Amino acid sequence: MKKSILILSIILMSIGFAAVSTTLIINGSAKVSENQDDFSVIFTAASIDGNDVYATAVDDTKKTITFTTSELKTLGQTSILTYEVTNNSSQYDAEVKVTCVPKEGSTAKYTSIKNKLENDATKVLAKSSVNGTLTITLNKTATEEVSEEYTCKLEFN
């Protein structure tokens, strides 16, 4: 009898312990935002037809190249701007999109433009660079001096 009372007491204590045990849950959230101060994509080199023009063609922000081609006289003749784009960010890769169009308010009936990034890159990894080539080709000869202007945008996200 004492043995059964002892067993019954142990069973009741187990049930009682189970009834008062509880589970604690912690819910929380962390706010994460971009570090725009760390996102910097700039031009780090520029040359026209093999001549270094970085000092004169790239502006102080290192985000704009303004240049004049060599004189194009012969049908099919080209002038080539080569440049390097560097992603200085320590943590962000940059997706790149390149578009070139005649400058607003002008037309291009004598020349054409083609801009290509090395290996058809669509991304510049953090702390790395990619080279680009912009080629302007004379498609139609002129009887007088003509100046055609283009705007190319390298957009990074």
C-alpha atoms as a PDB file:
ATOM      1  CA  MET A   1       0.000   0.000   0.000  1.00  0.00           C
ATOM      2  CA  LYS A   2       2.795   2.394   0.912  1.00  0.00           C
ATOM      3  CA  LYS A   3       4.457   1.407  -2.304  1.00  0.00           C
ATOM      4  CA  SER A   4       1.364   2.255  -4.394  1.00  0.00           C
ATOM      5  CA  ILE A   5       0.926   5.578  -2.534  1.00  0.00           C
ATOM      6  CA  LEU A   6       4.568   6.389  -3.300  1.00  0.00           C
ATOM      7  CA  ILE A   7       4.097   5.558  -7.009  1.00  0.00           C
ATOM      8  CA  LEU A   8       0.841   7.543  -7.098  1.00  0.00           C
ATOM      9  CA  SER A   9       2.638  10.517  -5.462  1.00  0.00           C
ATOM     10  CA  ILE A  10       5.449  10.398  -8.054  1.00  0.00           C
ATOM     11  CA  ILE A  11       2.919  10.270 -10.924  1.00  0.00           C
ATOM     12  CA  LEU A  12       0.950  13.229  -9.476  1.00  0.00           C
ATOM     13  CA  MET A  13       4.156  15.242  -9.022  1.00  0.00           C
ATOM     14  CA  SER A  14       5.144  14.556 -12.657  1.00  0.00           C
ATOM     15  CA  ILE A  15       1.732  15.691 -13.893  1.00  0.00           C
ATOM     16  CA  GLY A  16       1.893  18.742 -11.659  1.00  0.00           C
ATOM     17  CA  PHE A  17       5.371  19.675 -12.972  1.00  0.00           C
ATOM     18  CA  ALA A  18       4.217  19.274 -16.568  1.00  0.00           C
ATOM     19  CA  ALA A  19       1.218  21.491 -15.900  1.00  0.00           C
ATOM     20  CA  VAL A  20       3.343  24.377 -14.640  1.00  0.00           C
ATOM     21  CA  SER A  21       6.158  24.194 -17.207  1.00  0.00           C
ATOM     22  CA  THR A  22       5.954  26.896 -19.870  1.00  0.00           C
ATOM     23  CA  THR A  23       7.607  28.013 -23.137  1.00  0.00           C
ATOM     24  CA  LEU A  24       9.011  31.517 -23.642  1.00  0.00           C
ATOM     25  CA  ILE A  25       9.033  33.010 -27.157  1.00  0.00           C
ATOM     26  CA  ILE A  26      10.948  36.097 -28.185  1.00  0.00           C
ATOM     27  CA  ASN A  27       9.871  37.916 -31.369  1.00  0.00           C
ATOM     28  CA  GLY A  28      12.030  40.675 -32.801  1.00  0.00           C
ATOM     29  CA  SER A  29      13.104  42.399 -35.969  1.00  0.00           C
ATOM     30  CA  ALA A  30      16.281  44.038 -37.211  1.00  0.00           C
ATOM     31  CA  LYS A  31      16.187  47.097 -39.430  1.00  0.00           C
ATOM     32  CA  VAL A  32      18.710  46.861 -42.279  1.00  0.00           C
ATOM     33  CA  SER A  33      19.292  49.644 -44.799  1.00  0.00           C
ATOM     34  CA  GLU A  34      21.789  50.385 -47.534  1.00  0.00           C
ATOM     35  CA  ASN A  35      25.018  52.241 -46.867  1.00  0.00           C
ATOM     36  CA  GLN A  36      24.937  54.772 -49.688  1.00  0.00           C
ATOM     37  CA  ASP A  37      28.211  56.304 -48.522  1.00  0.00           C
ATOM     38  CA  ASP A  38      29.904  53.035 -49.497  1.00  0.00           C
ATOM     39  CA  PHE A  39      28.489  52.993 -53.048  1.00  0.00           C
ATOM     40  CA  SER A  40      30.946  54.681 -55.418  1.00  0.00           C
ATOM     41  CA  VAL A  41      31.362  53.821 -59.097  1.00  0.00           C
ATOM     42  CA  ILE A  42      33.751  56.074 -61.029  1.00  0.00           C
ATOM     43  CA  PHE A  43      35.841  56.366 -64.195  1.00  0.00           C
ATOM     44  CA  THR A  44      39.480  55.583 -63.429  1.00  0.00           C
ATOM     45  CA  ALA A  45      41.015  55.717 -66.923  1.00  0.00           C
ATOM     46  CA  ALA A  46      40.232  57.227 -70.332  1.00  0.00           C
ATOM     47  CA  SER A  47      42.106  57.392 -73.620  1.00  0.00           C
ATOM     48  CA  ILE A  48      41.165  58.398 -77.166  1.00  0.00           C
ATOM     49  CA  ASP A  49      42.810  56.544 -80.026  1.00  0.00           C
ATOM     50  CA  GLY A  50      45.564  55.393 -77.653  1.00  0.00           C
ATOM     51  CA  ASN A  51      46.262  58.832 -76.120  1.00  0.00           C
ATOM     52  CA  ASP A  52      45.609  59.220 -72.377  1.00  0.00           C
ATOM     53  CA  VAL A  53      43.004  61.961 -71.863  1.00  0.00           C
ATOM     54  CA  TYR A  54      41.949  61.154 -68.298  1.00  0.00           C
ATOM     55  CA  ALA A  55      43.135  64.492 -66.856  1.00  0.00           C
ATOM     56  CA  THR A  56      41.244  66.567 -69.430  1.00  0.00           C
ATOM     57  CA  ALA A  57      38.232  64.404 -70.326  1.00  0.00           C
ATOM     58  CA  VAL A  58      37.034  63.190 -66.906  1.00  0.00           C
ATOM     59  CA  ASP A  59      35.322  65.764 -64.673  1.00  0.00           C
ATOM     60  CA  ASP A  60      36.033  66.343 -60.950  1.00  0.00           C
ATOM     61  CA  THR A  61      33.283  63.935 -59.857  1.00  0.00           C
ATOM     62  CA  LYS A  62      34.903  61.204 -61.994  1.00  0.00           C
ATOM     63  CA  LYS A  63      31.431  60.328 -63.258  1.00  0.00           C
ATOM     64  CA  THR A  64      31.423  62.150 -66.619  1.00  0.00           C
ATOM     65  CA  ILE A  65      33.705  61.907 -69.643  1.00  0.00           C
ATOM     66  CA  THR A  66      33.573  64.730 -72.198  1.00  0.00           C
ATOM     67  CA  PHE A  67      35.748  64.313 -75.268  1.00  0.00           C
ATOM     68  CA  THR A  68      36.213  65.171 -78.936  1.00  0.00           C
ATOM     69  CA  THR A  69      37.173  62.476 -81.417  1.00  0.00           C
ATOM     70  CA  SER A  70      40.059  62.766 -83.770  1.00  0.00           C
ATOM     71  CA  GLU A  71      39.066  64.142 -87.187  1.00  0.00           C
ATOM     72  CA  LEU A  72      37.078  61.610 -89.225  1.00  0.00           C
ATOM     73  CA  LYS A  73      37.563  62.073 -92.980  1.00  0.00           C
ATOM     74  CA  THR A  74      37.407  58.644 -94.638  1.00  0.00           C
ATOM     75  CA  LEU A  75      34.297  56.499 -94.905  1.00  0.00           C
ATOM     76  CA  GLY A  76      34.457  53.756 -92.264  1.00  0.00           C
ATOM     77  CA  GLN A  77      37.122  55.575 -90.237  1.00  0.00           C
ATOM     78  CA  THR A  78      36.739  55.225 -86.460  1.00  0.00           C
ATOM     79  CA  SER A  79      37.762  57.029 -83.307  1.00  0.00           C
ATOM     80  CA  ILE A  80      37.895  54.907 -80.173  1.00  0.00           C
ATOM     81  CA  LEU A  81      37.506  55.968 -76.551  1.00  0.00           C
ATOM     82  CA  THR A  82      38.649  53.304 -74.105  1.00  0.00           C
ATOM     83  CA  TYR A  83      37.817  53.741 -70.442  1.00  0.00           C
ATOM     84  CA  GLU A  84      37.878  51.902 -67.145  1.00  0.00           C
ATOM     85  CA  VAL A  85      35.029  51.879 -64.630  1.00  0.00           C
ATOM     86  CA  THR A  86      35.860  50.998 -61.016  1.00  0.00           C
ATOM     87  CA  ASN A  87      33.423  49.989 -58.288  1.00  0.00           C
ATOM     88  CA  ASN A  88      35.017  51.352 -55.091  1.00  0.00           C
ATOM     89  CA  SER A  89      32.304  49.900 -52.870  1.00  0.00           C
ATOM     90  CA  SER A  90      33.584  47.451 -50.283  1.00  0.00           C
ATOM     91  CA  GLN A  91      30.320  45.499 -50.123  1.00  0.00           C
ATOM     92  CA  TYR A  92      28.008  46.267 -53.046  1.00  0.00           C
ATOM     93  CA  ASP A  93      28.194  44.836 -56.561  1.00  0.00           C
ATOM     94  CA  ALA A  94      26.886  47.224 -59.216  1.00  0.00           C
ATOM     95  CA  GLU A  95      24.562  46.299 -62.058  1.00  0.00           C
ATOM     96  CA  VAL A  96      25.419  48.347 -65.125  1.00  0.00           C
ATOM     97  CA  LYS A  97      23.370  49.588 -68.065  1.00  0.00           C
ATOM     98  CA  VAL A  98      24.913  51.488 -70.981  1.00  0.00           C
ATOM     99  CA  THR A  99      22.949  53.697 -73.382  1.00  0.00           C
ATOM    100  CA  CYS A 100      24.274  56.035 -76.089  1.00  0.00           C
ATOM    101  CA  VAL A 101      22.097  58.453 -78.060  1.00  0.00           C
ATOM    102  CA  PRO A 102      22.607  61.670 -80.036  1.00  0.00           C
ATOM    103  CA  LYS A 103      22.716  64.680 -77.703  1.00  0.00           C
ATOM    104  CA  GLU A 104      19.302  66.230 -77.104  1.00  0.00           C
ATOM    105  CA  GLY A 105      18.374  68.597 -79.910  1.00  0.00           C
ATOM    106  CA  SER A 106      20.846  67.106 -82.383  1.00  0.00           C
ATOM    107  CA  THR A 107      20.930  64.330 -84.940  1.00  0.00           C
ATOM    108  CA  ALA A 108      23.639  61.975 -86.086  1.00  0.00           C
ATOM    109  CA  LYS A 109      23.434  61.464 -89.836  1.00  0.00           C
ATOM    110  CA  TYR A 110      27.147  61.057 -90.577  1.00  0.00           C
ATOM    111  CA  THR A 111      28.354  58.936 -87.678  1.00  0.00           C
ATOM    112  CA  SER A 112      27.250  56.044 -85.499  1.00  0.00           C
ATOM    113  CA  ILE A 113      28.269  55.073 -82.005  1.00  0.00           C
ATOM    114  CA  LYS A 114      28.754  51.748 -80.279  1.00  0.00           C
ATOM    115  CA  ASN A 115      29.579  51.299 -76.594  1.00  0.00           C
ATOM    116  CA  LYS A 116      30.612  47.910 -75.239  1.00  0.00           C
ATOM    117  CA  LEU A 117      31.854  46.736 -71.875  1.00  0.00           C
ATOM    118  CA  GLU A 118      34.518  44.046 -71.709  1.00  0.00           C
ATOM    119  CA  ASN A 119      33.019  40.523 -71.899  1.00  0.00           C
ATOM    120  CA  ASP A 120      29.566  42.154 -72.279  1.00  0.00           C
ATOM    121  CA  ALA A 121      29.623  42.803 -68.534  1.00  0.00           C
ATOM    122  CA  THR A 122      26.334  43.589 -66.841  1.00  0.00           C
ATOM    123  CA  LYS A 123      27.802  43.728 -63.334  1.00  0.00           C
ATOM    124  CA  VAL A 124      30.869  45.298 -61.747  1.00  0.00           C
ATOM    125  CA  LEU A 125      31.797  43.442 -58.579  1.00  0.00           C
ATOM    126  CA  ALA A 126      32.740  45.302 -55.394  1.00  0.00           C
ATOM    127  CA  LYS A 127      36.379  46.467 -55.410  1.00  0.00           C
ATOM    128  CA  SER A 128      36.874  45.574 -59.074  1.00  0.00           C
ATOM    129  CA  SER A 129      37.034  47.286 -62.467  1.00  0.00           C
ATOM    130  CA  VAL A 130      35.766  46.684 -65.984  1.00  0.00           C
ATOM    131  CA  ASN A 131      37.015  48.194 -69.255  1.00  0.00           C
ATOM    132  CA  GLY A 132      34.793  49.699 -71.896  1.00  0.00           C
ATOM    133  CA  THR A 133      35.202  50.703 -75.527  1.00  0.00           C
ATOM    134  CA  LEU A 134      33.198  53.430 -77.235  1.00  0.00           C
ATOM    135  CA  THR A 135      33.620  53.462 -81.015  1.00  0.00           C
ATOM    136  CA  ILE A 136      32.435  56.295 -83.264  1.00  0.00           C
ATOM    137  CA  THR A 137      32.371  55.385 -86.954  1.00  0.00           C
ATOM    138  CA  LEU A 138      32.051  57.710 -89.969  1.00  0.00           C
ATOM    139  CA  ASN A 139      29.213  56.242 -92.059  1.00  0.00           C
ATOM    140  CA  LYS A 140      28.747  59.064 -94.561  1.00  0.00           C
ATOM    141  CA  THR A 141      31.269  61.642 -95.734  1.00  0.00           C
ATOM    142  CA  ALA A 142      30.503  65.350 -95.492  1.00  0.00           C
ATOM    143  CA  THR A 143      31.351  68.188 -97.871  1.00  0.00           C
ATOM    144  CA  GLU A 144      31.925  70.588 -94.991  1.00  0.00           C
ATOM    145  CA  GLU A 145      33.014  70.284 -91.356  1.00  0.00           C
ATOM    146  CA  VAL A 146      30.236  68.860 -89.197  1.00  0.00           C
ATOM    147  CA  SER A 147      30.162  68.251 -85.470  1.00  0.00           C
ATOM    148  CA  GLU A 148      27.865  65.541 -84.093  1.00  0.00           C
ATOM    149  CA  GLU A 149      27.389  65.107 -80.367  1.00  0.00           C
ATOM    150  CA  TYR A 150      26.392  62.060 -78.339  1.00  0.00           C
ATOM    151  CA  THR A 151      25.470  61.398 -74.743  1.00  0.00           C
ATOM    152  CA  CYS A 152      26.309  58.031 -73.218  1.00  0.00           C
ATOM    153  CA  LYS A 153      25.079  57.023 -69.819  1.00  0.00           C
ATOM    154  CA  LEU A 154      26.548  54.261 -67.717  1.00  0.00           C
ATOM    155  CA  GLU A 155      23.906  53.691 -65.062  1.00  0.00           C
ATOM    156  CA  PHE A 156      24.714  51.676 -61.947  1.00  0.00           C
ATOM    157  CA  ASN A 157      22.393  50.209 -59.356  1.00  0.00           C
END
